[in-house]
C-alpha atoms as a PDB file:
ATOM      1  CA  MET A   1     -34.417-117.121 -25.156  1.00  0.00           C
ATOM      2  CA  ASP A   2     -32.141-119.139 -22.851  1.00  0.00           C
ATOM      3  CA  ASN A   3     -31.620-118.182 -19.233  1.00  0.00           C
ATOM      4  CA  PHE A   4     -28.166-116.876 -18.484  1.00  0.00           C
ATOM      5  CA  PHE A   5     -26.174-116.337 -15.320  1.00  0.00           C
ATOM      6  CA  GLY A   6     -24.844-112.795 -15.693  1.00  0.00           C
ATOM      7  CA  PRO A   7     -22.764-112.287 -12.534  1.00  0.00           C
ATOM      8  CA  SER A   8     -20.049-114.442 -14.066  1.00  0.00           C
ATOM      9  CA  LEU A   9     -19.393-111.699 -16.650  1.00  0.00           C
ATOM     10  CA  ASP A  10     -18.459-108.586 -14.726  1.00  0.00           C
ATOM     11  CA  LYS A  11     -19.176-107.193 -11.277  1.00  0.00           C
ATOM     12  CA  ASN A  12     -18.964-103.612 -12.599  1.00  0.00           C
ATOM     13  CA  ILE A  13     -21.525-104.043 -15.358  1.00  0.00           C
ATOM     14  CA  ILE A  14     -23.613-100.989 -16.258  1.00  0.00           C
ATOM     15  CA  GLU A  15     -27.218-101.418 -15.124  1.00  0.00           C
ATOM     16  CA  ILE A  16     -30.329 -99.850 -16.596  1.00  0.00           C
ATOM     17  CA  ASP A  17     -32.972-100.147 -13.880  1.00  0.00           C
ATOM     18  CA  LEU A  18     -36.517 -99.876 -15.236  1.00  0.00           C
ATOM     19  CA  HIS A  19     -38.491-101.812 -12.666  1.00  0.00           C
ATOM     20  CA  GLY A  20     -39.631 -98.732 -10.738  1.00  0.00           C
ATOM     21  CA  ILE A  21     -41.144 -97.045 -13.807  1.00  0.00           C
ATOM     22  CA  ALA A  22     -44.896 -97.732 -13.928  1.00  0.00           C
ATOM     23  CA  ASP A  23     -45.601 -96.467 -17.456  1.00  0.00           C
ATOM     24  CA  LEU A  24     -44.406 -98.895 -20.161  1.00  0.00           C
ATOM     25  CA  HIS A  25     -43.928 -96.175 -22.773  1.00  0.00           C
ATOM     26  CA  GLU A  26     -41.809 -94.112 -20.373  1.00  0.00           C
ATOM     27  CA  ALA A  27     -39.729 -97.174 -19.418  1.00  0.00           C
ATOM     28  CA  LEU A  28     -39.023 -97.949 -23.073  1.00  0.00           C
ATOM     29  CA  LEU A  29     -37.966 -94.348 -23.733  1.00  0.00           C
ATOM     30  CA  VAL A  30     -35.528 -94.578 -20.811  1.00  0.00           C
ATOM     31  CA  LEU A  31     -34.262 -97.908 -22.166  1.00  0.00           C
ATOM     32  CA  GLU A  32     -33.559 -96.468 -25.628  1.00  0.00           C
ATOM     33  CA  LYS A  33     -31.786 -93.413 -24.215  1.00  0.00           C
ATOM     34  CA  GLU A  34     -29.657 -95.441 -21.792  1.00  0.00           C
ATOM     35  CA  LEU A  35     -28.709 -98.039 -24.429  1.00  0.00           C
ATOM     36  CA  PHE A  36     -27.471 -95.179 -26.600  1.00  0.00           C
ATOM     37  CA  TYR A  37     -25.284 -93.904 -23.737  1.00  0.00           C
ATOM     38  CA  VAL A  38     -23.941 -97.399 -23.045  1.00  0.00           C
ATOM     39  CA  SER A  39     -23.030 -97.883 -26.706  1.00  0.00           C
ATOM     40  CA  LYS A  40     -21.248 -94.515 -26.805  1.00  0.00           C
ATOM     41  CA  SER A  41     -19.224 -95.476 -23.723  1.00  0.00           C
ATOM     42  CA  GLN A  42     -17.654 -98.357 -25.673  1.00  0.00           C
ATOM     43  CA  GLN A  43     -19.215-100.970 -23.384  1.00  0.00           C
ATOM     44  CA  ARG A  44     -20.070-104.258 -25.068  1.00  0.00           C
ATOM     45  CA  TYR A  45     -22.863-105.240 -22.688  1.00  0.00           C
ATOM     46  CA  CYS A  46     -25.131-104.033 -19.905  1.00  0.00           C
ATOM     47  CA  ARG A  47     -27.827-105.377 -17.599  1.00  0.00           C
ATOM     48  CA  VAL A  48     -31.431-104.247 -17.967  1.00  0.00           C
ATOM     49  CA  ILE A  49     -33.468-104.719 -14.794  1.00  0.00           C
ATOM     50  CA  HIS A  50     -37.175-104.976 -15.524  1.00  0.00           C
ATOM     51  CA  GLY A  51     -38.339-106.924 -12.473  1.00  0.00           C
ATOM     52  CA  ILE A  52     -40.606-109.948 -12.478  1.00  0.00           C
ATOM     53  CA  GLY A  53     -44.089-108.585 -11.711  1.00  0.00           C
ATOM     54  CA  SER A  54     -46.811-109.324 -14.262  1.00  0.00           C
ATOM     55  CA  GLY A  55     -44.313-109.703 -17.101  1.00  0.00           C
ATOM     56  CA  ARG A  56     -45.673-106.715 -19.031  1.00  0.00           C
ATOM     57  CA  LEU A  57     -42.476-104.697 -18.700  1.00  0.00           C
ATOM     58  CA  ALA A  58     -40.281-107.729 -19.429  1.00  0.00           C
ATOM     59  CA  SER A  59     -42.260-108.429 -22.617  1.00  0.00           C
ATOM     60  CA  GLY A  60     -42.060-104.800 -23.700  1.00  0.00           C
ATOM     61  CA  VAL A  61     -38.318-104.714 -23.048  1.00  0.00           C
ATOM     62  CA  ALA A  62     -37.776-107.944 -25.009  1.00  0.00           C
ATOM     63  CA  GLU A  63     -39.739-106.586 -27.963  1.00  0.00           C
ATOM     64  CA  ALA A  64     -37.850-103.266 -27.906  1.00  0.00           C
ATOM     65  CA  LEU A  65     -34.475-105.008 -27.661  1.00  0.00           C
ATOM     66  CA  SER A  66     -35.299-107.350 -30.550  1.00  0.00           C
ATOM     67  CA  LYS A  67     -36.031-104.314 -32.763  1.00  0.00           C
ATOM     68  CA  ASN A  68     -33.071-102.175 -31.671  1.00  0.00           C
ATOM     69  CA  PRO A  69     -30.268-102.143 -34.286  1.00  0.00           C
ATOM     70  CA  MET A  70     -27.601-101.538 -31.596  1.00  0.00           C
ATOM     71  CA  VAL A  71     -28.484-104.816 -29.866  1.00  0.00           C
ATOM     72  CA  VAL A  72     -26.581-107.876 -31.056  1.00  0.00           C
ATOM     73  CA  GLU A  73     -28.168-110.271 -28.571  1.00  0.00           C
ATOM     74  CA  PHE A  74     -29.932-110.342 -25.225  1.00  0.00           C
ATOM     75  CA  LYS A  75     -30.428-113.115 -22.696  1.00  0.00           C
ATOM     76  CA  THR A  76     -32.702-113.422 -19.690  1.00  0.00           C
ATOM     77  CA  GLU A  77     -30.769-113.957 -16.471  1.00  0.00           C
ATOM     78  CA  GLU A  78     -31.548-116.846 -14.129  1.00  0.00           C
ATOM     79  CA  SER A  79     -33.535-114.641 -11.755  1.00  0.00           C
ATOM     80  CA  GLY A  80     -35.969-113.745 -14.534  1.00  0.00           C
ATOM     81  CA  GLY A  81     -36.031-110.111 -13.404  1.00  0.00           C
ATOM     82  CA  SER A  82     -33.280-108.863 -15.686  1.00  0.00           C
ATOM     83  CA  CYS A  83     -31.499-109.528 -18.927  1.00  0.00           C
ATOM     84  CA  LEU A  84     -28.020-109.043 -20.296  1.00  0.00           C
ATOM     85  CA  VAL A  85     -27.836-107.003 -23.460  1.00  0.00           C
ATOM     86  CA  PHE A  86     -24.879-107.341 -25.824  1.00  0.00           C
ATOM     87  CA  LEU A  87     -24.182-104.379 -28.087  1.00  0.00           C
END
């Protein structure tokens, strides 16, 4: 997965902030629910903030996104603490 500089896309991008959720299962449930809402709002992309930390949440998010049929593509942003998700 290539790093990507997201701020060049849109300053009003929808953000799904997961980095404060300690339980991986809970964070992934929030991710699925929020991606559904983003897709229903006709948005083509959003930012998922998972933080850097140990990488456990980032890995879980990447796996969930790769299996989600709504997700066309996702790219890690330069900071490494978030990714852009294209629906």
